N, C-alpha and C. Protein backbone atom coordinates (compact mmCIF):
# COMPACT_ATOMS: atom_id res chain seq x y z
N UNK A 1 0.95 -1.25 -0.35
CA UNK A 1 0.04 0.26 -0.08
C UNK A 1 0.71 1.50 0.02
N UNK A 2 2.39 1.35 0.55
CA UNK A 2 2.97 2.58 1.28
C UNK A 2 3.43 2.87 -0.41
N UNK A 3 3.46 2.43 -1.61
CA UNK A 3 4.00 2.18 -2.75
C UNK A 3 3.32 2.85 -3.60
N UNK A 4 2.00 3.00 -3.53
CA UNK A 4 1.31 3.72 -3.95
C UNK A 4 1.27 4.77 -4.07
N UNK A 5 1.63 5.52 -2.57
CA UNK A 5 1.55 6.59 -2.13
C UNK A 5 2.51 7.75 -2.15
N UNK A 6 2.15 9.13 -2.84
CA UNK A 6 3.40 10.00 -2.84
C UNK A 6 3.11 11.00 -1.91
N UNK A 7 4.14 11.56 -1.79
CA UNK A 7 4.06 13.16 -0.82
C UNK A 7 3.81 13.88 -1.64
N UNK A 8 3.41 14.16 -2.50
CA UNK A 8 2.67 15.28 -3.43
C UNK A 8 1.03 14.88 -3.74
N UNK A 9 0.54 14.97 -3.32
CA UNK A 9 -0.90 14.70 -3.29
C UNK A 9 -1.35 14.76 -5.11
N UNK A 10 -1.07 15.82 -5.33
CA UNK A 10 -1.38 15.69 -6.92
C UNK A 10 -0.74 14.92 -8.14
N UNK A 11 0.64 14.05 -6.95
CA UNK A 11 0.79 12.88 -8.42
C UNK A 11 0.33 11.35 -7.58
N UNK A 12 -0.89 11.83 -7.00
CA UNK A 12 -1.86 10.49 -6.54
C UNK A 12 -2.40 9.95 -7.55
N UNK A 13 -2.65 10.94 -8.71
CA UNK A 13 -3.74 10.47 -9.50
C UNK A 13 -2.75 10.60 -10.56
N UNK A 14 -4.25 9.64 -11.74
CA UNK A 14 -4.05 9.47 -12.93
C UNK A 14 -3.26 11.04 -13.77
N UNK A 15 -2.41 10.71 -15.27
CA UNK A 15 -2.34 11.80 -15.48
C UNK A 15 -3.48 12.30 -16.62
N UNK A 16 -3.96 10.96 -16.82
CA UNK A 16 -5.26 10.98 -18.03
C UNK A 16 -7.03 11.38 -17.32
N UNK A 17 -6.32 11.72 -16.07
CA UNK A 17 -7.63 12.10 -15.23
C UNK A 17 -8.06 14.03 -15.80
N UNK A 18 -8.96 13.51 -15.90
CA UNK A 18 -9.24 15.49 -16.43
C UNK A 18 -9.73 16.42 -15.26
N UNK A 19 -10.45 15.80 -14.06
CA UNK A 19 -10.25 16.31 -12.62
C UNK A 19 -9.43 16.91 -12.52
N UNK A 20 -8.56 16.28 -12.28
CA UNK A 20 -7.33 16.35 -11.85
C UNK A 20 -6.45 17.19 -12.37
N UNK A 21 -6.28 17.36 -13.61
CA UNK A 21 -5.56 18.18 -14.64
C UNK A 21 -6.07 19.64 -14.28
N UNK A 22 -7.28 19.64 -14.17
CA UNK A 22 -8.31 20.99 -14.05
C UNK A 22 -7.76 21.24 -12.69
N UNK A 23 -7.61 20.72 -11.53
CA UNK A 23 -7.09 21.01 -10.30
C UNK A 23 -5.57 21.05 -10.18
N UNK A 24 -4.44 20.58 -11.17
CA UNK A 24 -2.87 20.86 -11.07
C UNK A 24 -3.26 22.16 -11.86
N UNK A 25 -3.64 22.22 -12.43
CA UNK A 25 -3.92 23.69 -13.27
C UNK A 25 -4.39 24.96 -12.10
N UNK A 26 -5.27 24.73 -11.67
CA UNK A 26 -5.91 25.36 -11.09
C UNK A 26 -4.89 26.28 -9.67
N UNK A 27 -4.65 24.85 -9.33
CA UNK A 27 -3.37 25.10 -7.94
C UNK A 27 -2.27 25.95 -8.75
N UNK A 28 -1.65 25.79 -9.69
CA UNK A 28 -0.82 26.43 -10.49
C UNK A 28 -0.67 27.68 -10.73
N UNK A 29 -2.09 27.98 -10.73
CA UNK A 29 -2.21 29.82 -11.24
C UNK A 29 -2.23 30.26 -9.65
N UNK A 30 -2.68 29.50 -8.40
CA UNK A 30 -3.08 29.89 -7.63
C UNK A 30 -1.83 30.52 -6.85
N UNK A 31 -0.40 29.19 -7.20
CA UNK A 31 0.51 29.61 -6.59
C UNK A 31 1.15 30.99 -7.14
N UNK A 32 0.81 30.70 -8.51
CA UNK A 32 1.70 32.16 -9.60
C UNK A 32 1.23 33.64 -9.18
N UNK A 33 -0.11 33.32 -8.44
CA UNK A 33 -1.01 34.72 -8.13
C UNK A 33 -0.18 35.10 -6.45
N UNK A 34 -0.41 34.11 -5.15
CA UNK A 34 0.26 33.84 -4.21
C UNK A 34 1.52 34.26 -4.24
N UNK A 35 2.41 34.18 -5.10
CA UNK A 35 3.75 34.04 -4.86
C UNK A 35 4.73 35.41 -4.74
N UNK A 36 3.55 36.49 -5.21
CA UNK A 36 4.24 37.77 -5.41
C UNK A 36 3.80 38.61 -4.22
N UNK A 37 2.89 38.17 -3.50
CA UNK A 37 2.52 38.49 -2.19
C UNK A 37 3.37 38.14 -1.09
N UNK A 38 3.90 37.21 -1.16
CA UNK A 38 4.94 36.41 -0.49
C UNK A 38 6.22 36.61 -0.31
N UNK A 39 6.57 37.26 -1.45
CA UNK A 39 7.66 37.63 -1.86
C UNK A 39 7.71 39.22 -0.99
N UNK A 40 6.54 39.72 -1.39
CA UNK A 40 6.12 41.70 -0.68
C UNK A 40 6.40 41.63 0.90
N UNK A 41 5.60 40.41 1.14
CA UNK A 41 6.01 40.33 3.07
C UNK A 41 7.15 39.93 3.43
N UNK A 42 7.95 39.27 2.72
CA UNK A 42 9.45 38.83 3.09
C UNK A 42 10.31 39.67 2.80
N UNK A 43 10.27 40.81 1.89
CA UNK A 43 10.85 42.02 1.72
C UNK A 43 10.35 43.06 2.78
N UNK A 44 9.65 43.26 2.48
CA UNK A 44 8.86 44.27 4.31
C UNK A 44 9.24 43.81 5.29
N UNK A 45 9.34 42.27 5.62
CA UNK A 45 10.22 41.80 7.06
C UNK A 45 11.64 42.03 6.86
N UNK A 46 11.95 41.76 5.60
CA UNK A 46 13.55 42.43 6.23
C UNK A 46 13.92 43.54 5.84
N UNK A 47 13.24 44.50 4.96
CA UNK A 47 13.56 45.68 5.43
C UNK A 47 13.17 46.59 6.94
N UNK A 48 12.16 46.20 7.03
CA UNK A 48 11.57 46.69 8.13
C UNK A 48 12.50 46.40 9.45
N UNK A 49 13.08 45.02 9.81
CA UNK A 49 13.26 44.53 11.43
C UNK A 49 15.28 44.17 10.78
N UNK A 50 15.51 44.53 9.27
CA UNK A 50 17.28 44.20 9.52
C UNK A 50 18.02 45.47 8.63
N UNK A 51 17.17 45.98 7.79
CA UNK A 51 18.19 46.90 7.11
C UNK A 51 17.60 48.74 7.34
N UNK A 52 16.08 48.42 7.77
CA UNK A 52 16.35 49.98 8.35
C UNK A 52 16.52 50.52 9.60
N UNK A 53 17.33 52.03 9.23
CA UNK A 53 18.19 52.21 10.35
C UNK A 53 17.09 52.89 12.02
N UNK A 54 16.20 53.91 10.73
CA UNK A 54 15.46 54.98 11.42
C UNK A 54 14.09 54.55 11.25
N UNK A 55 12.97 54.75 11.61
CA UNK A 55 12.06 54.17 10.98
C UNK A 55 11.37 54.92 9.97
N UNK A 56 11.67 56.48 9.71
CA UNK A 56 10.94 57.75 9.00
C UNK A 56 11.24 57.73 7.55
N UNK A 57 12.56 57.46 7.74
CA UNK A 57 13.95 57.25 6.58
C UNK A 57 13.34 56.30 5.94
N UNK A 58 13.01 56.14 4.35
CA UNK A 58 12.95 54.97 4.01
C UNK A 58 14.07 54.06 2.99
N UNK A 59 14.10 53.42 2.52
CA UNK A 59 14.89 52.20 1.80
C UNK A 59 15.34 52.70 0.34
N UNK A 60 16.55 53.34 -0.08
CA UNK A 60 17.00 53.29 -1.25
C UNK A 60 16.14 52.47 -1.63
N UNK A 61 15.76 52.61 -3.13
CA UNK A 61 15.70 52.29 -4.20
C UNK A 61 16.08 51.38 -4.56
N UNK A 62 17.67 51.29 -5.13
CA UNK A 62 18.41 50.34 -5.33
C UNK A 62 18.42 48.99 -4.43
N UNK A 63 18.19 49.11 -2.69
CA UNK A 63 18.20 48.35 -2.07
C UNK A 63 17.17 48.22 -2.31
N UNK A 64 16.07 49.07 -2.39
CA UNK A 64 14.76 47.65 -2.43
C UNK A 64 14.61 46.78 -3.52
N UNK A 65 15.58 47.28 -4.75
CA UNK A 65 15.37 46.15 -5.40
C UNK A 65 16.30 45.40 -5.98
N UNK A 66 17.49 45.62 -5.36
CA UNK A 66 18.44 44.63 -5.17
C UNK A 66 17.80 43.22 -4.08
N UNK A 67 17.03 43.59 -3.63
CA UNK A 67 16.64 42.76 -2.02
C UNK A 67 15.29 42.08 -2.52
N UNK A 68 14.63 42.77 -3.44
CA UNK A 68 13.72 41.87 -4.04
C UNK A 68 14.61 40.81 -5.48
N UNK A 69 15.55 41.13 -5.98
CA UNK A 69 16.20 40.39 -6.82
C UNK A 69 16.52 38.95 -6.44
N UNK A 70 17.25 39.41 -5.09
CA UNK A 70 17.63 38.44 -4.05
C UNK A 70 16.65 37.60 -3.69
N UNK A 71 15.65 38.06 -3.24
CA UNK A 71 14.93 36.80 -2.76
C UNK A 71 13.91 35.68 -4.29
N UNK A 72 13.53 36.62 -4.88
CA UNK A 72 13.36 35.68 -5.95
C UNK A 72 14.40 35.09 -6.73
N UNK A 73 15.59 35.38 -6.48
CA UNK A 73 16.83 34.88 -7.13
C UNK A 73 16.82 33.16 -6.15
N UNK A 74 16.74 33.63 -4.71
CA UNK A 74 16.73 32.38 -3.80
C UNK A 74 15.88 31.37 -3.95
N UNK A 75 14.51 31.81 -3.93
CA UNK A 75 13.59 31.09 -3.96
C UNK A 75 13.69 30.05 -5.42
N UNK A 76 13.57 30.82 -6.37
CA UNK A 76 14.05 29.93 -7.72
C UNK A 76 15.20 28.81 -7.15
N UNK A 77 16.36 29.06 -7.21
CA UNK A 77 17.51 28.08 -6.94
C UNK A 77 16.92 27.18 -6.24
N UNK A 78 15.81 27.22 -4.55
CA UNK A 78 15.76 26.55 -3.88
C UNK A 78 14.71 25.77 -4.75
N UNK A 79 13.80 26.02 -5.76
CA UNK A 79 12.66 25.62 -6.27
C UNK A 79 13.06 24.62 -7.47
N UNK A 80 14.61 24.94 -8.21
CA UNK A 80 14.76 24.08 -9.20
C UNK A 80 15.97 23.25 -8.51
N UNK A 81 16.65 22.94 -7.47
CA UNK A 81 16.94 22.19 -6.91
C UNK A 81 16.72 21.01 -6.04
N UNK A 82 15.11 21.18 -5.58
CA UNK A 82 14.75 20.18 -4.69
C UNK A 82 13.15 19.78 -5.44
N UNK A 83 13.49 18.52 -6.19
CA UNK A 83 12.57 17.98 -6.98
C UNK A 83 11.41 17.20 -6.28
N UNK A 84 11.65 16.69 -4.71
CA UNK A 84 10.31 16.87 -3.82
C UNK A 84 10.15 17.78 -2.67
N UNK A 85 8.72 17.82 -2.80
CA UNK A 85 8.56 18.54 -1.52
C UNK A 85 8.85 17.76 -0.58
N UNK A 86 8.89 16.53 0.07
CA UNK A 86 8.77 15.75 0.96
C UNK A 86 9.11 16.64 2.23
N UNK A 87 11.02 16.74 1.67
CA UNK A 87 11.87 17.65 2.37
C UNK A 87 11.27 18.94 3.13
N UNK A 88 10.99 19.76 1.38
CA UNK A 88 10.62 21.18 2.01
C UNK A 88 9.61 21.03 3.09
N UNK A 89 8.58 20.03 2.66
CA UNK A 89 7.39 20.56 3.82
C UNK A 89 7.46 20.06 5.23
N UNK A 90 8.53 19.09 5.52
CA UNK A 90 8.99 18.44 6.89
C UNK A 90 9.77 19.78 7.45
N UNK A 91 10.41 20.12 6.72
CA UNK A 91 11.36 21.38 7.11
C UNK A 91 10.70 22.65 7.29
N UNK A 92 9.41 22.76 6.83
CA UNK A 92 8.45 24.10 7.21
C UNK A 92 7.96 23.55 8.47
N UNK A 93 7.60 22.33 8.42
CA UNK A 93 6.92 21.37 9.98
C UNK A 93 7.41 21.93 11.04
N UNK A 94 8.94 21.58 10.85
CA UNK A 94 9.99 21.85 11.71
C UNK A 94 10.02 22.96 12.19
N UNK A 95 10.40 24.08 11.27
CA UNK A 95 10.86 25.16 11.51
C UNK A 95 10.37 26.00 11.50
N UNK A 96 8.58 26.11 10.81
CA UNK A 96 7.93 27.15 11.39
C UNK A 96 6.54 27.08 12.18
N UNK A 97 6.07 25.72 12.12
CA UNK A 97 4.71 25.16 12.79
C UNK A 97 5.09 25.04 14.02
N UNK A 98 6.12 24.41 14.95
CA UNK A 98 6.37 23.98 15.83
C UNK A 98 7.10 25.19 16.57
N UNK A 99 7.38 26.30 15.95
CA UNK A 99 7.99 27.36 16.92
C UNK A 99 6.53 28.32 16.98
N UNK A 100 5.58 28.54 15.89
CA UNK A 100 4.69 29.36 15.75
C UNK A 100 3.56 28.41 17.00
N UNK A 101 3.18 27.42 17.08
CA UNK A 101 3.05 26.45 17.86
C UNK A 101 2.90 26.18 19.31
N UNK A 102 4.09 26.06 19.27
CA UNK A 102 4.89 26.29 20.94
C UNK A 102 6.03 26.97 21.45
N UNK A 103 6.76 27.53 20.84
CA UNK A 103 7.69 28.69 21.20
C UNK A 103 6.97 29.86 21.10
N UNK A 104 6.59 30.40 19.86
CA UNK A 104 6.54 31.77 20.33
C UNK A 104 4.87 33.03 20.77
N UNK A 105 4.11 31.76 21.56
CA UNK A 105 3.49 31.89 22.40
C UNK A 105 3.65 31.87 23.93
N UNK A 106 4.27 30.76 23.89
CA UNK A 106 5.49 30.94 25.41
C UNK A 106 6.06 31.95 25.40
N UNK A 107 7.07 32.79 24.67
CA UNK A 107 7.83 33.84 24.83
C UNK A 107 7.19 35.00 24.74
N UNK A 108 6.21 35.32 23.96
CA UNK A 108 5.24 36.05 23.58
C UNK A 108 5.16 36.37 25.69
N UNK A 109 4.46 35.21 26.02
CA UNK A 109 3.40 35.08 27.67
C UNK A 109 4.96 35.64 28.58
N UNK A 110 6.43 34.87 28.08
CA UNK A 110 7.39 35.52 29.46
C UNK A 110 7.63 36.86 29.32
N UNK A 111 7.73 37.50 28.26
CA UNK A 111 7.92 38.66 27.46
C UNK A 111 6.78 39.77 28.64
N UNK A 112 5.52 39.21 28.17
CA UNK A 112 4.49 40.14 28.99
C UNK A 112 3.93 40.17 30.31
N UNK A 113 4.03 38.98 30.70
CA UNK A 113 3.80 38.78 32.08
C UNK A 113 4.88 38.94 33.14
N UNK A 114 4.74 40.09 33.99
CA UNK A 114 5.60 40.55 35.28
C UNK A 114 6.13 39.98 35.95
N UNK A 115 7.37 39.85 36.12
CA UNK A 115 8.26 38.60 37.16
C UNK A 115 9.11 38.55 36.71
N UNK A 116 9.12 37.29 37.57
CA UNK A 116 11.37 37.15 36.95
C UNK A 116 10.87 35.78 36.16
N UNK A 117 11.71 35.31 35.20
CA UNK A 117 11.28 34.36 34.28
C UNK A 117 11.45 32.72 34.81
N UNK A 118 11.74 32.52 36.36
CA UNK A 118 12.01 31.30 36.61
C UNK A 118 10.59 31.24 37.86
N UNK A 119 9.73 32.46 38.01
CA UNK A 119 8.95 32.62 38.74
C UNK A 119 7.40 31.61 38.55
N UNK A 120 6.85 31.04 39.64
CA UNK A 120 5.82 30.04 39.54
C UNK A 120 4.86 30.46 38.78
N UNK A 121 4.47 31.82 37.81
CA UNK A 121 3.73 31.60 37.18
C UNK A 121 4.06 31.10 35.87
N UNK A 122 5.23 31.72 35.69
CA UNK A 122 5.63 31.60 34.21
C UNK A 122 6.28 29.90 34.21
N UNK A 123 6.42 29.30 34.92
CA UNK A 123 7.20 28.34 34.62
C UNK A 123 6.50 27.22 33.65
N UNK A 124 5.39 27.14 33.40
CA UNK A 124 4.53 26.41 32.74
C UNK A 124 4.79 26.80 30.97
N UNK A 125 4.69 28.23 30.95
CA UNK A 125 5.69 29.02 29.50
C UNK A 125 7.14 28.44 29.27
N UNK A 126 7.60 28.52 30.45
CA UNK A 126 9.14 28.28 30.29
C UNK A 126 9.20 27.38 30.00
N UNK A 127 8.63 26.11 30.36
CA UNK A 127 8.46 23.99 29.75
C UNK A 127 7.99 24.37 28.70
N UNK A 128 6.87 25.22 28.22
CA UNK A 128 6.40 24.67 26.48
C UNK A 128 7.53 25.47 25.53
N UNK A 129 7.97 26.78 26.07
CA UNK A 129 8.96 26.94 25.32
C UNK A 129 10.13 26.42 24.86
N UNK A 130 10.58 25.35 25.77
CA UNK A 130 11.95 24.26 26.22
C UNK A 130 11.56 23.10 25.14
N UNK A 131 10.21 22.60 25.56
CA UNK A 131 9.57 21.32 24.76
C UNK A 131 9.84 21.76 23.21
N UNK A 132 8.94 23.12 22.94
CA UNK A 132 8.93 23.20 21.59
C UNK A 132 10.51 23.62 20.77
N UNK A 133 11.36 24.21 21.44
CA UNK A 133 12.51 23.96 21.03
C UNK A 133 13.35 22.82 20.91
N UNK A 134 13.09 22.01 22.05
CA UNK A 134 13.43 20.49 21.84
C UNK A 134 12.87 19.82 20.72
N UNK A 135 11.94 20.17 20.38
CA UNK A 135 11.11 19.41 19.35
C UNK A 135 12.11 19.82 17.91
N UNK A 136 11.64 21.06 17.35
CA UNK A 136 12.54 21.58 16.71
C UNK A 136 13.64 21.15 16.24
N UNK A 137 15.00 21.06 17.73
CA UNK A 137 16.34 20.60 17.15
C UNK A 137 16.18 19.26 16.78
N UNK A 138 15.16 18.25 17.50
CA UNK A 138 15.82 16.92 17.46
C UNK A 138 14.97 16.83 16.23
N UNK A 139 13.32 17.41 15.55
CA UNK A 139 13.07 17.24 14.43
C UNK A 139 13.88 17.05 13.09
N UNK A 140 15.22 18.50 12.98
CA UNK A 140 16.24 18.81 12.44
C UNK A 140 17.38 17.38 12.01
N UNK A 141 17.84 17.36 13.12
CA UNK A 141 18.38 16.05 13.50
C UNK A 141 17.97 15.07 12.93
N UNK A 142 16.71 14.15 13.55
CA UNK A 142 16.10 13.26 12.87
C UNK A 142 15.74 13.70 11.43
N UNK A 143 15.33 14.42 10.88
CA UNK A 143 15.33 14.52 9.08
C UNK A 143 17.10 14.24 8.22
N UNK A 144 17.50 15.31 9.34
CA UNK A 144 19.17 14.73 8.21
C UNK A 144 19.78 13.12 8.49
N UNK A 145 19.27 12.65 9.88
CA UNK A 145 19.29 11.55 9.90
C UNK A 145 18.83 10.59 8.62
N UNK A 146 17.60 10.85 8.60
CA UNK A 146 16.77 9.61 7.95
C UNK A 146 16.68 10.24 6.19
N UNK A 147 17.48 11.44 5.81
CA UNK A 147 17.56 11.99 4.62
C UNK A 147 17.52 11.48 3.56
N UNK A 148 17.95 9.83 3.48
CA UNK A 148 18.42 8.97 2.41
C UNK A 148 16.73 8.28 2.11
N UNK A 149 15.76 8.13 2.96
CA UNK A 149 14.67 8.05 3.08
C UNK A 149 13.71 8.70 2.70
N UNK A 150 14.27 9.79 3.16
CA UNK A 150 13.08 11.52 2.85
C UNK A 150 12.93 11.79 1.54
N UNK A 151 14.07 11.29 1.06
CA UNK A 151 14.46 12.29 -0.51
C UNK A 151 14.19 11.09 -1.60
N UNK A 152 14.02 10.40 -1.60
CA UNK A 152 12.97 9.16 -2.63
C UNK A 152 12.26 9.88 -2.87
N UNK A 153 12.25 10.19 -4.31
CA UNK A 153 11.22 10.20 -5.56
C UNK A 153 10.93 9.69 -6.54
N UNK A 154 10.08 9.50 -6.75
CA UNK A 154 8.78 9.06 -8.02
C UNK A 154 8.63 10.08 -8.85
N UNK A 155 9.13 11.08 -9.23
CA UNK A 155 8.78 12.23 -9.78
C UNK A 155 8.15 11.45 -11.15
N UNK A 156 7.19 12.53 -11.99
CA UNK A 156 6.69 12.06 -13.21
C UNK A 156 6.20 10.07 -13.51
N UNK A 157 6.48 9.66 -12.71
CA UNK A 157 6.06 7.76 -12.96
C UNK A 157 4.83 7.47 -12.86
N UNK A 158 4.40 6.89 -13.69
CA UNK A 158 2.97 6.63 -13.74
C UNK A 158 2.80 5.58 -12.52
N UNK A 159 1.56 6.05 -12.01
CA UNK A 159 1.00 4.71 -11.00
C UNK A 159 0.50 3.44 -10.98
N UNK A 160 0.73 2.26 -10.71
CA UNK A 160 0.69 1.15 -10.92
C UNK A 160 -1.11 1.10 -11.18
N UNK A 161 -1.42 1.71 -10.69
CA UNK A 161 -3.63 1.67 -10.96
C UNK A 161 -3.55 2.44 -11.91
N UNK A 162 -2.86 3.55 -12.57
CA UNK A 162 -3.40 4.21 -13.51
C UNK A 162 -2.96 3.51 -15.06
N UNK A 163 -2.13 2.36 -14.89
CA UNK A 163 -2.10 1.79 -16.12
C UNK A 163 -2.78 0.49 -16.39
N UNK A 164 -3.48 0.31 -15.61
CA UNK A 164 -5.18 -0.82 -15.73
C UNK A 164 -6.22 -0.51 -16.13
N UNK A 165 -6.17 1.16 -16.77
CA UNK A 165 -7.38 1.59 -16.70
C UNK A 165 -8.20 0.69 -17.88
N UNK A 166 -9.86 0.60 -17.53
CA UNK A 166 -10.47 0.00 -19.26
C UNK A 166 -11.20 0.75 -18.72
N UNK A 167 -12.44 0.76 -19.94
CA UNK A 167 -13.89 1.80 -20.18
C UNK A 167 -14.93 0.72 -20.34
N UNK A 168 -15.60 0.74 -19.72
CA UNK A 168 -16.83 -0.14 -20.18
C UNK A 168 -17.97 0.57 -20.23
N UNK A 169 -18.22 0.09 -21.31
CA UNK A 169 -19.74 0.72 -21.54
C UNK A 169 -21.20 0.51 -20.64
């Protein structure tokens, strides 16, 4: 059963399935339209948090354009060197979802609540933050330990159940 499922959901369907091909097309259009928004957010965060020295002084156009080209070039290189989404999705879950779910809320509470970091009220939040960091670190370690299993990809291979398609009246 396991050999029939791929990490990319859109590849689990037959290539001659019209409804799935329409879904693939719509998904591609959605990614095409979403990508500029993601680049805009990334550029704004980098400009506001790393490059801006004074809040009211705008960044020069040259830096603005170079940063935009750098973001586009970086994402392009990552996309053409990564044939399978399995590793990317695992890293995204480990490095983005775990900190958002466990670390960020706990650290925000630790910052906003008055008192020392080791006071009784803050210990659960501190434990949650440490747990989240441990899960993220162990997740990255285990991902690289099992990289040979994760990186297997059968891109463009027609599934066995697609080869035996018959049309009956």
